[in-house]
Amino acid sequence: MPLDPSRNPLALAVGRFKLVILSGLSGSGKSVALHTLEDLGYYCIDNLPLFLLKDLVLGLRQATLNDAFKHTAVGIDARTSPDELRDLPTLVRTTQERGIDCRVIFLETNTDALIRRFSETRRKHPLTRGDRSLAEAIELERTLLETIRDSADLRIDTTQTNVHELRDRVRGWLVGSASPKVSILLQSFGFKHGVPQDVDFVFDIRCLPNPHWQPALRALTGRDPPVVDYLESSSEVQRMRDDIQAFFAHWIPAFETDGRSYLTIAIGCTGGQHRSVYMVESLRRHFECAGHQVIVRHRELS
């Protein structure tokens, strides 16, 4: 019977750690799944020999690893010795009994689809050799990994699954159906100094009232209270801000569903000192309240 973590001091020390073991047939999408785990914040190790996995589990049990490893994922393939592969379910059980959240994901695909994928990519199957055909290598790998497949917590058949669907399956199983929040970079700039490169969206707000023409505000920036008060007194400024917020309220969930991790938004006015700076700061508060991680850059103020 598994140990009760509430009665196990060692388990209490390591209960914050999560370990995902990812295995499956070569060509079934393990790299995509591992990259998905990496995007979810897991420290990922591919093709880890099982004897090293035992050392990793020991490190977790002794709570010697720092927070960078508290969510760890490892890829295991058929190049590990058959005896070690057969021992994996026992290792998983032992890990769970020590209070570590350990789960196994196994990916599989039918032979015809795997042959087609290897033919299209022209990659060599890791178990092929001079006297073993691709089809034979696939079936050998299927046999070697059978123990892991039968004990896996999640099995995904990727025969008819595209990369986006696979990411959604892995992400949904680990963290629920909600997609992770996209991180947003907000940048203010002045058009007279050029439009920034490598951005996803550019908004031109030069049509809004310009504090530059107010002598008392000219030397200030969009972060200073007198400029903020001046701009917020304008219904046009409020309407522009509301329209930008409404646009992203509609479209950011679509980007998140598509697997986007980052979004760069540039807001430009003439000099990049007043209106664009104000708008970026206002949008920062809006996006942070919505749960997004936000980075702000004021190009012309740096």
Protein backbone atom coordinates (compact mmCIF):
# COMPACT_ATOMS: atom_id res chain seq x y z
CA MET A 1 0.00 0.00 0.00
CA PRO A 2 1.36 3.48 -0.82
CA LEU A 3 2.59 5.49 2.13
CA ASP A 4 0.34 8.22 3.45
CA PRO A 5 2.17 11.49 2.67
CA SER A 6 0.63 13.10 5.75
CA ARG A 7 2.43 10.52 7.94
CA ASN A 8 5.68 10.52 6.02
CA PRO A 9 8.10 13.40 6.83
CA LEU A 10 10.21 12.59 3.77
CA ALA A 11 7.15 12.76 1.56
CA LEU A 12 6.25 16.13 3.05
CA ALA A 13 9.72 17.37 2.12
CA VAL A 14 9.45 16.32 -1.52
CA GLY A 15 5.71 16.46 -2.16
CA ARG A 16 6.15 19.66 -4.15
CA PHE A 17 8.10 17.75 -6.83
CA LYS A 18 6.43 16.43 -9.97
CA LEU A 19 8.01 13.90 -12.30
CA VAL A 20 6.61 13.05 -15.74
CA ILE A 21 8.08 10.08 -17.58
CA LEU A 22 7.44 10.30 -21.31
CA SER A 23 7.92 7.26 -23.49
CA GLY A 24 6.57 5.82 -26.71
CA LEU A 25 7.39 4.69 -30.21
CA SER A 26 9.94 6.63 -32.21
CA GLY A 27 8.10 8.93 -34.61
CA SER A 28 4.95 9.07 -32.48
CA GLY A 29 5.46 12.68 -31.35
CA LYS A 30 7.63 12.45 -28.24
CA SER A 31 9.60 15.58 -29.17
CA VAL A 32 6.38 17.57 -29.53
CA ALA A 33 5.11 16.30 -26.18
CA LEU A 34 8.42 17.05 -24.47
CA HIS A 35 8.44 20.60 -25.87
CA THR A 36 4.89 21.01 -24.55
CA LEU A 37 6.06 20.00 -21.10
CA GLU A 38 8.93 22.46 -21.38
CA ASP A 39 6.44 25.23 -22.22
CA LEU A 40 4.51 24.25 -19.07
CA GLY A 41 7.61 24.95 -16.98
CA TYR A 42 9.05 21.45 -16.71
CA TYR A 43 12.81 20.87 -16.72
CA CYS A 44 13.08 18.37 -19.59
CA ILE A 45 15.69 15.67 -20.17
CA ASP A 46 15.44 13.57 -23.32
CA ASN A 47 16.71 9.99 -23.78
CA LEU A 48 17.70 9.60 -20.13
CA PRO A 49 19.10 6.12 -19.33
CA LEU A 50 17.04 4.43 -16.64
CA PHE A 51 19.98 3.99 -14.28
CA LEU A 52 20.30 7.79 -14.28
CA LEU A 53 16.57 8.13 -13.72
CA LYS A 54 17.06 6.19 -10.49
CA ASP A 55 19.68 8.74 -9.43
CA LEU A 56 17.28 11.56 -10.30
CA VAL A 57 14.53 10.01 -8.18
CA LEU A 58 17.00 9.59 -5.33
CA GLY A 59 17.81 13.29 -5.56
CA LEU A 60 14.12 14.15 -5.37
CA ARG A 61 13.63 11.80 -2.44
CA GLN A 62 16.45 13.48 -0.55
CA ALA A 63 15.00 16.90 -1.45
CA THR A 64 18.43 18.01 -2.62
CA LEU A 65 17.27 19.53 -5.91
CA ASN A 66 16.45 23.21 -6.12
CA ASP A 67 13.22 24.72 -7.42
CA ALA A 68 14.46 24.61 -11.01
CA PHE A 69 13.84 20.84 -10.89
CA LYS A 70 10.59 20.74 -8.94
CA HIS A 71 8.72 19.97 -12.18
CA THR A 72 10.85 17.54 -14.17
CA ALA A 73 10.07 15.49 -17.30
CA VAL A 74 12.26 12.76 -18.75
CA GLY A 75 12.07 10.99 -22.10
CA ILE A 76 12.72 7.24 -22.12
CA ASP A 77 13.12 5.22 -25.32
CA ALA A 78 13.80 1.63 -26.33
CA ARG A 79 17.58 2.04 -26.38
CA THR A 80 17.50 1.42 -22.63
CA SER A 81 18.22 -2.22 -21.74
CA PRO A 82 15.18 -4.55 -21.68
CA ASP A 83 15.74 -5.44 -18.02
CA GLU A 84 15.68 -1.78 -17.01
CA LEU A 85 12.54 -1.15 -19.08
CA ARG A 86 10.79 -3.99 -17.25
CA ASP A 87 11.81 -2.42 -13.93
CA LEU A 88 10.28 0.98 -14.74
CA PRO A 89 6.79 0.27 -13.27
CA THR A 90 8.45 -0.70 -9.98
CA LEU A 91 10.52 2.49 -10.00
CA VAL A 92 7.38 4.55 -10.65
CA ARG A 93 5.59 2.84 -7.76
CA THR A 94 8.51 3.48 -5.42
CA THR A 95 8.65 7.11 -6.48
CA GLN A 96 4.94 7.60 -5.80
CA GLU A 97 5.22 5.93 -2.40
CA ARG A 98 7.84 8.51 -1.49
CA GLY A 99 5.33 11.31 -2.03
CA ILE A 100 6.53 12.45 -5.48
CA ASP A 101 3.79 13.06 -8.02
CA CYS A 102 5.03 10.71 -10.76
CA ARG A 103 3.06 10.08 -13.96
CA VAL A 104 3.80 8.16 -17.15
CA ILE A 105 2.72 9.23 -20.65
CA PHE A 106 3.03 6.79 -23.55
CA LEU A 107 2.65 7.72 -27.22
CA GLU A 108 1.89 5.16 -29.91
CA THR A 109 1.08 5.13 -33.62
CA ASN A 110 0.22 2.37 -36.05
CA THR A 111 3.03 0.88 -38.11
CA ASP A 112 1.88 2.19 -41.50
CA ALA A 113 1.80 5.78 -40.21
CA LEU A 114 5.25 5.41 -38.63
CA ILE A 115 6.75 4.05 -41.85
CA ARG A 116 5.27 6.98 -43.74
CA ARG A 117 6.64 9.49 -41.24
CA PHE A 118 10.16 8.06 -41.33
CA SER A 119 10.03 8.01 -45.12
CA GLU A 120 8.93 11.65 -45.25
CA THR A 121 11.55 12.90 -42.78
CA ARG A 122 14.28 10.55 -44.03
CA ARG A 123 15.35 9.96 -40.46
CA LYS A 124 16.75 6.64 -39.31
CA HIS A 125 14.85 4.61 -36.75
CA PRO A 126 17.08 4.12 -33.66
CA LEU A 127 16.69 0.32 -33.79
CA THR A 128 17.33 -0.23 -37.50
CA ARG A 129 20.52 -1.90 -38.67
CA GLY A 130 21.83 -3.77 -41.69
CA ASP A 131 19.76 -6.92 -41.17
CA ARG A 132 16.64 -5.26 -39.72
CA SER A 133 14.06 -3.42 -41.81
CA LEU A 134 12.18 -0.33 -40.68
CA ALA A 135 8.98 -2.31 -40.13
CA GLU A 136 10.86 -4.89 -38.07
CA ALA A 137 12.53 -2.17 -36.00
CA ILE A 138 9.14 -0.61 -35.25
CA GLU A 139 7.68 -3.92 -34.11
CA LEU A 140 10.75 -4.67 -31.98
CA GLU A 141 10.44 -1.28 -30.31
CA ARG A 142 6.74 -1.90 -29.71
CA THR A 143 7.59 -5.17 -27.96
CA LEU A 144 10.38 -3.66 -25.85
CA LEU A 145 8.15 -0.84 -24.63
CA GLU A 146 5.10 -2.99 -23.96
CA THR A 147 5.62 -2.98 -20.19
CA ILE A 148 5.70 0.82 -20.08
CA ARG A 149 2.67 1.05 -22.36
CA ASP A 150 0.61 -1.26 -20.16
CA SER A 151 1.45 0.67 -16.97
CA ALA A 152 1.14 4.21 -18.38
CA ASP A 153 -1.24 6.70 -16.78
CA LEU A 154 -2.02 8.25 -20.17
CA ARG A 155 -1.77 6.57 -23.58
CA ILE A 156 -2.19 8.69 -26.69
CA ASP A 157 -2.54 7.21 -30.18
CA THR A 158 -1.15 9.87 -32.52
CA THR A 159 -1.97 8.06 -35.78
CA GLN A 160 -4.63 10.65 -36.67
CA THR A 161 -3.42 13.42 -34.33
CA ASN A 162 -1.70 16.60 -35.48
CA VAL A 163 0.87 18.46 -33.40
CA HIS A 164 -1.67 20.99 -32.09
CA GLU A 165 -4.04 18.27 -30.92
CA LEU A 166 -1.19 16.40 -29.24
CA ARG A 167 -0.12 19.51 -27.36
CA ASP A 168 -3.70 20.07 -26.21
CA ARG A 169 -4.01 16.45 -24.99
CA VAL A 170 -0.81 16.61 -22.96
CA ARG A 171 -1.50 20.07 -21.60
CA GLY A 172 -5.13 19.31 -20.79
CA TRP A 173 -4.25 16.10 -18.94
CA LEU A 174 -1.60 17.77 -16.77
CA VAL A 175 -3.11 21.17 -16.03
CA GLY A 176 -6.74 20.94 -17.10
CA SER A 177 -8.45 22.16 -20.23
CA ALA A 178 -7.52 25.81 -19.77
CA SER A 179 -4.64 26.96 -21.95
CA PRO A 180 -1.71 28.66 -20.20
CA LYS A 181 -1.75 32.45 -20.21
CA VAL A 182 0.29 34.07 -22.95
CA SER A 183 3.10 36.38 -21.81
CA ILE A 184 2.81 39.90 -23.21
CA LEU A 185 5.52 42.40 -24.11
CA LEU A 186 4.19 45.97 -24.35
CA GLN A 187 6.41 48.53 -26.06
CA SER A 188 5.91 52.24 -26.57
CA PHE A 189 7.73 54.01 -29.39
CA GLY A 190 7.82 57.17 -31.48
CA PHE A 191 7.05 56.93 -35.20
CA LYS A 192 9.60 59.64 -35.96
CA HIS A 193 12.29 57.25 -34.73
CA GLY A 194 11.05 54.30 -36.78
CA VAL A 195 8.64 51.41 -36.26
CA PRO A 196 10.07 48.58 -34.09
CA GLN A 197 10.79 45.26 -35.75
CA ASP A 198 9.70 41.75 -34.68
CA VAL A 199 6.38 42.75 -33.14
CA ASP A 200 3.01 41.04 -33.55
CA PHE A 201 0.77 44.13 -33.43
CA VAL A 202 1.38 47.85 -34.00
CA PHE A 203 -1.19 50.44 -32.92
CA ASP A 204 -0.92 54.03 -34.16
CA ILE A 205 -2.41 56.46 -31.63
CA ARG A 206 -1.15 59.70 -33.18
CA CYS A 207 -4.78 60.72 -33.74
CA LEU A 208 -5.24 61.29 -29.98
CA PRO A 209 -4.77 64.68 -28.25
CA ASN A 210 -1.05 65.42 -27.91
CA PRO A 211 0.27 66.67 -24.53
CA HIS A 212 3.33 67.99 -26.36
CA TRP A 213 1.33 71.09 -27.31
CA GLN A 214 0.63 71.87 -23.66
CA PRO A 215 3.66 73.88 -22.43
CA ALA A 216 3.29 72.63 -18.85
CA LEU A 217 3.29 68.98 -20.00
CA ARG A 218 5.92 69.06 -22.74
CA ALA A 219 8.87 68.04 -20.56
CA LEU A 220 6.92 65.28 -18.77
CA THR A 221 6.14 61.71 -19.86
CA GLY A 222 3.06 59.53 -20.01
CA ARG A 223 3.90 58.17 -16.56
CA ASP A 224 3.60 61.56 -14.86
CA PRO A 225 0.25 62.30 -13.14
CA PRO A 226 -0.43 65.62 -14.94
CA VAL A 227 -0.09 63.89 -18.35
CA VAL A 228 -2.20 60.96 -17.16
CA ASP A 229 -4.93 63.35 -15.98
CA TYR A 230 -4.82 65.26 -19.26
CA LEU A 231 -5.18 62.13 -21.40
CA GLU A 232 -7.80 60.47 -19.23
CA SER A 233 -9.99 63.55 -19.50
CA SER A 234 -10.31 62.83 -23.24
CA SER A 235 -13.19 60.62 -24.39
CA GLU A 236 -11.20 59.77 -27.53
CA VAL A 237 -8.34 58.38 -25.43
CA GLN A 238 -10.77 56.31 -23.36
CA ARG A 239 -12.45 54.97 -26.49
CA MET A 240 -9.11 54.02 -28.08
CA ARG A 241 -8.01 52.22 -24.90
CA ASP A 242 -11.35 50.38 -24.62
CA ASP A 243 -11.18 49.31 -28.28
CA ILE A 244 -7.64 47.92 -27.91
CA GLN A 245 -8.65 46.05 -24.75
CA ALA A 246 -11.75 44.64 -26.42
CA PHE A 247 -9.71 43.50 -29.44
CA PHE A 248 -7.31 41.51 -27.29
CA ALA A 249 -10.06 40.21 -24.99
CA HIS A 250 -11.48 38.55 -28.09
CA TRP A 251 -8.29 37.32 -29.75
CA ILE A 252 -5.83 36.45 -26.96
CA PRO A 253 -7.76 33.25 -26.05
CA ALA A 254 -7.42 32.16 -29.69
CA PHE A 255 -3.65 32.68 -29.56
CA GLU A 256 -3.48 30.74 -26.28
CA THR A 257 -5.48 27.87 -27.72
CA ASP A 258 -3.10 27.81 -30.67
CA GLY A 259 -0.19 27.37 -28.27
CA ARG A 260 1.32 30.85 -28.43
CA SER A 261 3.55 31.61 -25.44
CA TYR A 262 4.47 35.24 -26.21
CA LEU A 263 2.76 38.23 -27.78
CA THR A 264 4.47 41.56 -28.56
CA ILE A 265 2.32 44.70 -28.82
CA ALA A 266 3.79 48.04 -29.90
CA ILE A 267 1.97 51.33 -29.27
CA GLY A 268 3.24 54.35 -31.20
CA CYS A 269 2.74 58.09 -31.07
CA THR A 270 4.80 60.85 -32.67
CA GLY A 271 7.72 61.10 -30.25
CA GLY A 272 7.14 58.10 -27.99
CA GLN A 273 7.07 60.22 -24.84
CA HIS A 274 3.47 60.95 -23.84
CA ARG A 275 0.52 59.15 -25.46
CA SER A 276 2.16 55.80 -26.24
CA VAL A 277 3.78 55.64 -22.79
CA TYR A 278 0.45 56.37 -21.10
CA MET A 279 -1.36 53.75 -23.20
CA VAL A 280 1.24 51.06 -22.52
CA GLU A 281 1.05 51.66 -18.77
CA SER A 282 -2.74 51.56 -18.88
CA LEU A 283 -2.71 48.30 -20.86
CA ARG A 284 -0.15 46.85 -18.46
CA ARG A 285 -2.60 47.21 -15.57
CA HIS A 286 -5.40 45.73 -17.64
CA PHE A 287 -3.43 42.64 -18.73
CA GLU A 288 -1.96 42.04 -15.28
CA CYS A 289 -5.46 42.07 -13.78
CA ALA A 290 -6.38 39.42 -16.37
CA GLY A 291 -3.58 37.18 -15.05
CA HIS A 292 -0.95 37.70 -17.75
CA GLN A 293 2.75 38.12 -17.19
CA VAL A 294 3.59 41.52 -18.66
CA ILE A 295 6.92 43.09 -19.62
CA VAL A 296 7.00 46.81 -20.48
CA ARG A 297 9.57 48.62 -22.62
CA HIS A 298 9.50 52.37 -23.31
CA ARG A 299 11.90 52.61 -26.22
CA GLU A 300 12.25 56.37 -26.40
CA LEU A 301 12.56 56.81 -22.61
CA SER A 302 15.50 54.45 -22.19
